[in-house]
Amino acid sequence: MGALDHLAEYFNCGGGRHHIHNRRKQLQTVEIKVKIDCEGCERKVRRAVEGMKGVTQVDIEPKQSKLTVVGYVEPHKVVARVKYRTGKRAELWPYVPYDVVGHPYAPGTYDRRAPAGYVRRGDEQQVNQLARMSSTEVRYTTAFSDENTAACSIM
């Protein structure tokens, strides 16, 4: 904090609020998974989100159960608004295109309920679990390793 900022706090007439709190939200695209059965559900979800402050665009894909909101909003607030206004289960879009993931058919990543061409978002923990081998696999793969010459009892 500079000297001018420090002095500005003493002479601030804004009621003690800092200028940091007045920042504008960033334009974001929020993707949400919410079950949409019929046109009535689609209309209900659209009205719930369009009424939010800062929303500029709403797209709904009923076949994929996907709601896309573009605007100056926070993702967790959009999810909470959909849950509260519609009474439906809603979560942030948990899927990514399958070509982005290193192991799309791994047990923690593959999901039968995912739309075509998508798999469940892979966290770093799941990738690390895939890289880990069980103790028997480690023994077999390192038994004939060039790095560990003393491990092989046959030679």
C-alpha atoms as a PDB file:
ATOM      1  CA  MET A   1       0.000   0.000   0.000  1.00  0.00           C
ATOM      2  CA  GLY A   2       1.453   3.327  -1.043  1.00  0.00           C
ATOM      3  CA  ALA A   3       1.601   6.540   0.946  1.00  0.00           C
ATOM      4  CA  LEU A   4      -1.189   8.134  -1.089  1.00  0.00           C
ATOM      5  CA  ASP A   5      -3.474   5.147  -0.502  1.00  0.00           C
ATOM      6  CA  HIS A   6      -2.757   5.330   3.206  1.00  0.00           C
ATOM      7  CA  LEU A   7      -3.588   9.046   3.327  1.00  0.00           C
ATOM      8  CA  ALA A   8      -6.704   8.530   1.192  1.00  0.00           C
ATOM      9  CA  GLU A   9      -8.118   6.185   3.837  1.00  0.00           C
ATOM     10  CA  TYR A  10      -7.999   8.982   6.428  1.00  0.00           C
ATOM     11  CA  PHE A  11      -9.786  11.470   4.175  1.00  0.00           C
ATOM     12  CA  ASN A  12     -12.319   9.052   2.675  1.00  0.00           C
ATOM     13  CA  CYS A  13     -15.895  10.271   3.013  1.00  0.00           C
ATOM     14  CA  GLY A  14     -17.425   7.086   1.611  1.00  0.00           C
ATOM     15  CA  GLY A  15     -18.565   5.689   4.937  1.00  0.00           C
ATOM     16  CA  GLY A  16     -15.526   3.485   5.524  1.00  0.00           C
ATOM     17  CA  ARG A  17     -15.922   1.360   2.389  1.00  0.00           C
ATOM     18  CA  HIS A  18     -12.747   0.669   0.469  1.00  0.00           C
ATOM     19  CA  HIS A  19     -12.528   1.142  -3.288  1.00  0.00           C
ATOM     20  CA  ILE A  20     -11.760  -2.579  -3.654  1.00  0.00           C
ATOM     21  CA  HIS A  21     -15.400  -3.518  -2.967  1.00  0.00           C
ATOM     22  CA  ASN A  22     -16.643  -1.438  -5.896  1.00  0.00           C
ATOM     23  CA  ARG A  23     -15.020  -3.574  -8.582  1.00  0.00           C
ATOM     24  CA  ARG A  24     -17.218  -4.833 -11.364  1.00  0.00           C
ATOM     25  CA  LYS A  25     -17.726  -8.541 -11.868  1.00  0.00           C
ATOM     26  CA  GLN A  26     -16.089 -10.108 -14.898  1.00  0.00           C
ATOM     27  CA  LEU A  27     -18.043 -11.337 -17.905  1.00  0.00           C
ATOM     28  CA  GLN A  28     -18.304 -15.110 -17.523  1.00  0.00           C
ATOM     29  CA  THR A  29     -19.899 -18.103 -19.160  1.00  0.00           C
ATOM     30  CA  VAL A  30     -21.485 -20.406 -16.583  1.00  0.00           C
ATOM     31  CA  GLU A  31     -22.561 -23.898 -17.641  1.00  0.00           C
ATOM     32  CA  ILE A  32     -25.011 -25.752 -15.413  1.00  0.00           C
ATOM     33  CA  LYS A  33     -26.431 -29.256 -15.516  1.00  0.00           C
ATOM     34  CA  VAL A  34     -30.158 -29.215 -14.716  1.00  0.00           C
ATOM     35  CA  LYS A  35     -32.777 -31.779 -15.760  1.00  0.00           C
ATOM     36  CA  ILE A  36     -35.210 -30.299 -18.295  1.00  0.00           C
ATOM     37  CA  ASP A  37     -38.103 -32.621 -19.136  1.00  0.00           C
ATOM     38  CA  CYS A  38     -40.534 -30.454 -21.073  1.00  0.00           C
ATOM     39  CA  GLU A  39     -41.132 -26.969 -22.459  1.00  0.00           C
ATOM     40  CA  GLY A  40     -42.644 -25.898 -19.135  1.00  0.00           C
ATOM     41  CA  CYS A  41     -39.432 -26.829 -17.304  1.00  0.00           C
ATOM     42  CA  GLU A  42     -37.394 -24.999 -19.905  1.00  0.00           C
ATOM     43  CA  ARG A  43     -39.542 -21.871 -19.504  1.00  0.00           C
ATOM     44  CA  LYS A  44     -39.293 -22.054 -15.691  1.00  0.00           C
ATOM     45  CA  VAL A  45     -35.492 -22.353 -15.755  1.00  0.00           C
ATOM     46  CA  ARG A  46     -35.164 -19.554 -18.319  1.00  0.00           C
ATOM     47  CA  ARG A  47     -37.324 -17.154 -16.266  1.00  0.00           C
ATOM     48  CA  ALA A  48     -35.426 -17.961 -13.069  1.00  0.00           C
ATOM     49  CA  VAL A  49     -32.093 -17.035 -14.622  1.00  0.00           C
ATOM     50  CA  GLU A  50     -33.125 -14.165 -16.881  1.00  0.00           C
ATOM     51  CA  GLY A  51     -34.338 -12.229 -13.831  1.00  0.00           C
ATOM     52  CA  MET A  52     -30.861 -12.128 -12.306  1.00  0.00           C
ATOM     53  CA  LYS A  53     -28.916  -8.901 -12.324  1.00  0.00           C
ATOM     54  CA  GLY A  54     -26.004  -8.977 -14.793  1.00  0.00           C
ATOM     55  CA  VAL A  55     -27.285 -11.785 -17.067  1.00  0.00           C
ATOM     56  CA  THR A  56     -26.840 -10.937 -20.749  1.00  0.00           C
ATOM     57  CA  GLN A  57     -27.610 -14.250 -22.498  1.00  0.00           C
ATOM     58  CA  VAL A  58     -29.315 -17.552 -21.630  1.00  0.00           C
ATOM     59  CA  ASP A  59     -29.066 -20.705 -23.760  1.00  0.00           C
ATOM     60  CA  ILE A  60     -30.782 -23.987 -22.925  1.00  0.00           C
ATOM     61  CA  GLU A  61     -30.085 -27.379 -24.506  1.00  0.00           C
ATOM     62  CA  PRO A  62     -32.848 -29.684 -23.175  1.00  0.00           C
ATOM     63  CA  LYS A  63     -31.474 -32.883 -24.737  1.00  0.00           C
ATOM     64  CA  GLN A  64     -28.167 -32.451 -22.931  1.00  0.00           C
ATOM     65  CA  SER A  65     -29.781 -31.004 -19.759  1.00  0.00           C
ATOM     66  CA  LYS A  66     -27.469 -28.026 -20.115  1.00  0.00           C
ATOM     67  CA  LEU A  67     -28.044 -24.392 -19.204  1.00  0.00           C
ATOM     68  CA  THR A  68     -25.525 -21.793 -20.370  1.00  0.00           C
ATOM     69  CA  VAL A  69     -25.593 -18.316 -18.813  1.00  0.00           C
ATOM     70  CA  VAL A  70     -23.412 -15.470 -20.049  1.00  0.00           C
ATOM     71  CA  GLY A  71     -23.117 -12.312 -17.989  1.00  0.00           C
ATOM     72  CA  TYR A  72     -21.593 -10.482 -15.078  1.00  0.00           C
ATOM     73  CA  VAL A  73     -22.553 -13.159 -12.550  1.00  0.00           C
ATOM     74  CA  GLU A  74     -20.929 -15.536 -10.090  1.00  0.00           C
ATOM     75  CA  PRO A  75     -21.310 -19.264 -10.881  1.00  0.00           C
ATOM     76  CA  HIS A  76     -22.335 -20.402  -7.393  1.00  0.00           C
ATOM     77  CA  LYS A  77     -25.040 -17.708  -7.244  1.00  0.00           C
ATOM     78  CA  VAL A  78     -26.509 -18.831 -10.566  1.00  0.00           C
ATOM     79  CA  VAL A  79     -26.644 -22.451  -9.353  1.00  0.00           C
ATOM     80  CA  ALA A  80     -28.270 -21.374  -6.082  1.00  0.00           C
ATOM     81  CA  ARG A  81     -30.839 -19.281  -7.956  1.00  0.00           C
ATOM     82  CA  VAL A  82     -31.800 -22.179 -10.250  1.00  0.00           C
ATOM     83  CA  LYS A  83     -32.144 -24.529  -7.270  1.00  0.00           C
ATOM     84  CA  TYR A  84     -34.218 -22.053  -5.264  1.00  0.00           C
ATOM     85  CA  ARG A  85     -36.520 -20.808  -8.046  1.00  0.00           C
ATOM     86  CA  THR A  86     -37.188 -24.115  -9.814  1.00  0.00           C
ATOM     87  CA  GLY A  87     -36.808 -26.679  -7.039  1.00  0.00           C
ATOM     88  CA  LYS A  88     -34.614 -28.783  -9.340  1.00  0.00           C
ATOM     89  CA  ARG A  89     -31.198 -30.286  -8.685  1.00  0.00           C
ATOM     90  CA  ALA A  90     -28.550 -28.167 -10.333  1.00  0.00           C
ATOM     91  CA  GLU A  91     -24.768 -28.371 -10.436  1.00  0.00           C
ATOM     92  CA  LEU A  92     -21.958 -26.812 -12.404  1.00  0.00           C
ATOM     93  CA  TRP A  93     -21.440 -28.590 -15.714  1.00  0.00           C
ATOM     94  CA  PRO A  94     -19.335 -31.622 -14.735  1.00  0.00           C
ATOM     95  CA  TYR A  95     -18.343 -32.708 -18.248  1.00  0.00           C
ATOM     96  CA  VAL A  96     -15.538 -31.844 -20.651  1.00  0.00           C
ATOM     97  CA  PRO A  97     -14.916 -33.042 -24.225  1.00  0.00           C
ATOM     98  CA  TYR A  98     -13.353 -36.502 -24.178  1.00  0.00           C
ATOM     99  CA  ASP A  99     -10.332 -35.458 -26.260  1.00  0.00           C
ATOM    100  CA  VAL A 100      -9.208 -33.065 -23.498  1.00  0.00           C
ATOM    101  CA  VAL A 101      -8.806 -35.848 -20.920  1.00  0.00           C
ATOM    102  CA  GLY A 102      -5.752 -38.111 -20.983  1.00  0.00           C
ATOM    103  CA  HIS A 103      -7.642 -41.287 -19.984  1.00  0.00           C
ATOM    104  CA  PRO A 104     -11.288 -40.867 -21.096  1.00  0.00           C
ATOM    105  CA  TYR A 105     -12.321 -44.427 -20.259  1.00  0.00           C
ATOM    106  CA  ALA A 106     -10.748 -44.622 -16.804  1.00  0.00           C
ATOM    107  CA  PRO A 107     -13.118 -45.613 -13.963  1.00  0.00           C
ATOM    108  CA  GLY A 108     -13.273 -42.147 -12.377  1.00  0.00           C
ATOM    109  CA  THR A 109     -13.667 -40.293 -15.660  1.00  0.00           C
ATOM    110  CA  TYR A 110     -16.052 -42.282 -17.860  1.00  0.00           C
ATOM    111  CA  ASP A 111     -19.746 -41.643 -17.199  1.00  0.00           C
ATOM    112  CA  ARG A 112     -22.573 -43.350 -19.098  1.00  0.00           C
ATOM    113  CA  ARG A 113     -24.955 -40.468 -18.365  1.00  0.00           C
ATOM    114  CA  ALA A 114     -22.663 -37.937 -20.029  1.00  0.00           C
ATOM    115  CA  PRO A 115     -23.783 -36.514 -23.378  1.00  0.00           C
ATOM    116  CA  ALA A 116     -22.153 -37.903 -26.523  1.00  0.00           C
ATOM    117  CA  GLY A 117     -18.539 -36.792 -26.860  1.00  0.00           C
ATOM    118  CA  TYR A 118     -18.185 -35.801 -23.194  1.00  0.00           C
ATOM    119  CA  VAL A 119     -16.680 -37.420 -20.100  1.00  0.00           C
ATOM    120  CA  ARG A 120     -16.721 -36.385 -16.448  1.00  0.00           C
ATOM    121  CA  ARG A 121     -14.278 -33.603 -15.612  1.00  0.00           C
ATOM    122  CA  GLY A 122     -11.015 -35.199 -14.449  1.00  0.00           C
ATOM    123  CA  ASP A 123      -9.514 -33.732 -11.310  1.00  0.00           C
ATOM    124  CA  GLU A 124      -5.804 -33.909 -10.621  1.00  0.00           C
ATOM    125  CA  GLN A 125      -6.420 -36.474  -7.865  1.00  0.00           C
ATOM    126  CA  GLN A 126      -8.021 -38.884 -10.319  1.00  0.00           C
ATOM    127  CA  VAL A 127      -5.085 -38.543 -12.698  1.00  0.00           C
ATOM    128  CA  ASN A 128      -2.682 -39.292  -9.852  1.00  0.00           C
ATOM    129  CA  GLN A 129      -4.727 -42.375  -8.905  1.00  0.00           C
ATOM    130  CA  LEU A 130      -4.393 -43.622 -12.465  1.00  0.00           C
ATOM    131  CA  ALA A 131      -0.650 -43.148 -12.363  1.00  0.00           C
ATOM    132  CA  ARG A 132      -0.302 -45.120  -9.131  1.00  0.00           C
ATOM    133  CA  MET A 133       0.216 -48.831  -9.408  1.00  0.00           C
ATOM    134  CA  SER A 134      -0.537 -51.471  -6.836  1.00  0.00           C
ATOM    135  CA  SER A 135       2.378 -53.042  -4.963  1.00  0.00           C
ATOM    136  CA  THR A 136       2.263 -56.256  -7.024  1.00  0.00           C
ATOM    137  CA  GLU A 137       2.380 -54.280 -10.283  1.00  0.00           C
ATOM    138  CA  VAL A 138       5.346 -52.309  -8.991  1.00  0.00           C
ATOM    139  CA  ARG A 139       7.211 -55.512  -8.095  1.00  0.00           C
ATOM    140  CA  TYR A 140       6.625 -57.047 -11.531  1.00  0.00           C
ATOM    141  CA  THR A 141       7.532 -53.960 -13.510  1.00  0.00           C
ATOM    142  CA  THR A 142      10.677 -53.214 -11.517  1.00  0.00           C
ATOM    143  CA  ALA A 143      11.863 -56.835 -11.397  1.00  0.00           C
ATOM    144  CA  PHE A 144      13.560 -56.554 -14.782  1.00  0.00           C
ATOM    145  CA  SER A 145      14.371 -52.852 -14.658  1.00  0.00           C
ATOM    146  CA  ASP A 146      17.649 -51.542 -16.052  1.00  0.00           C
ATOM    147  CA  GLU A 147      17.747 -48.974 -13.261  1.00  0.00           C
ATOM    148  CA  ASN A 148      17.571 -51.545 -10.478  1.00  0.00           C
ATOM    149  CA  THR A 149      19.988 -54.309 -11.499  1.00  0.00           C
ATOM    150  CA  ALA A 150      19.998 -55.994  -8.103  1.00  0.00           C
ATOM    151  CA  ALA A 151      16.219 -56.591  -8.182  1.00  0.00           C
ATOM    152  CA  CYS A 152      16.376 -59.517 -10.609  1.00  0.00           C
ATOM    153  CA  SER A 153      17.306 -62.739  -8.849  1.00  0.00           C
ATOM    154  CA  ILE A 154      17.454 -64.792 -12.073  1.00  0.00           C
ATOM    155  CA  MET A 155      20.423 -62.960 -13.527  1.00  0.00           C
END
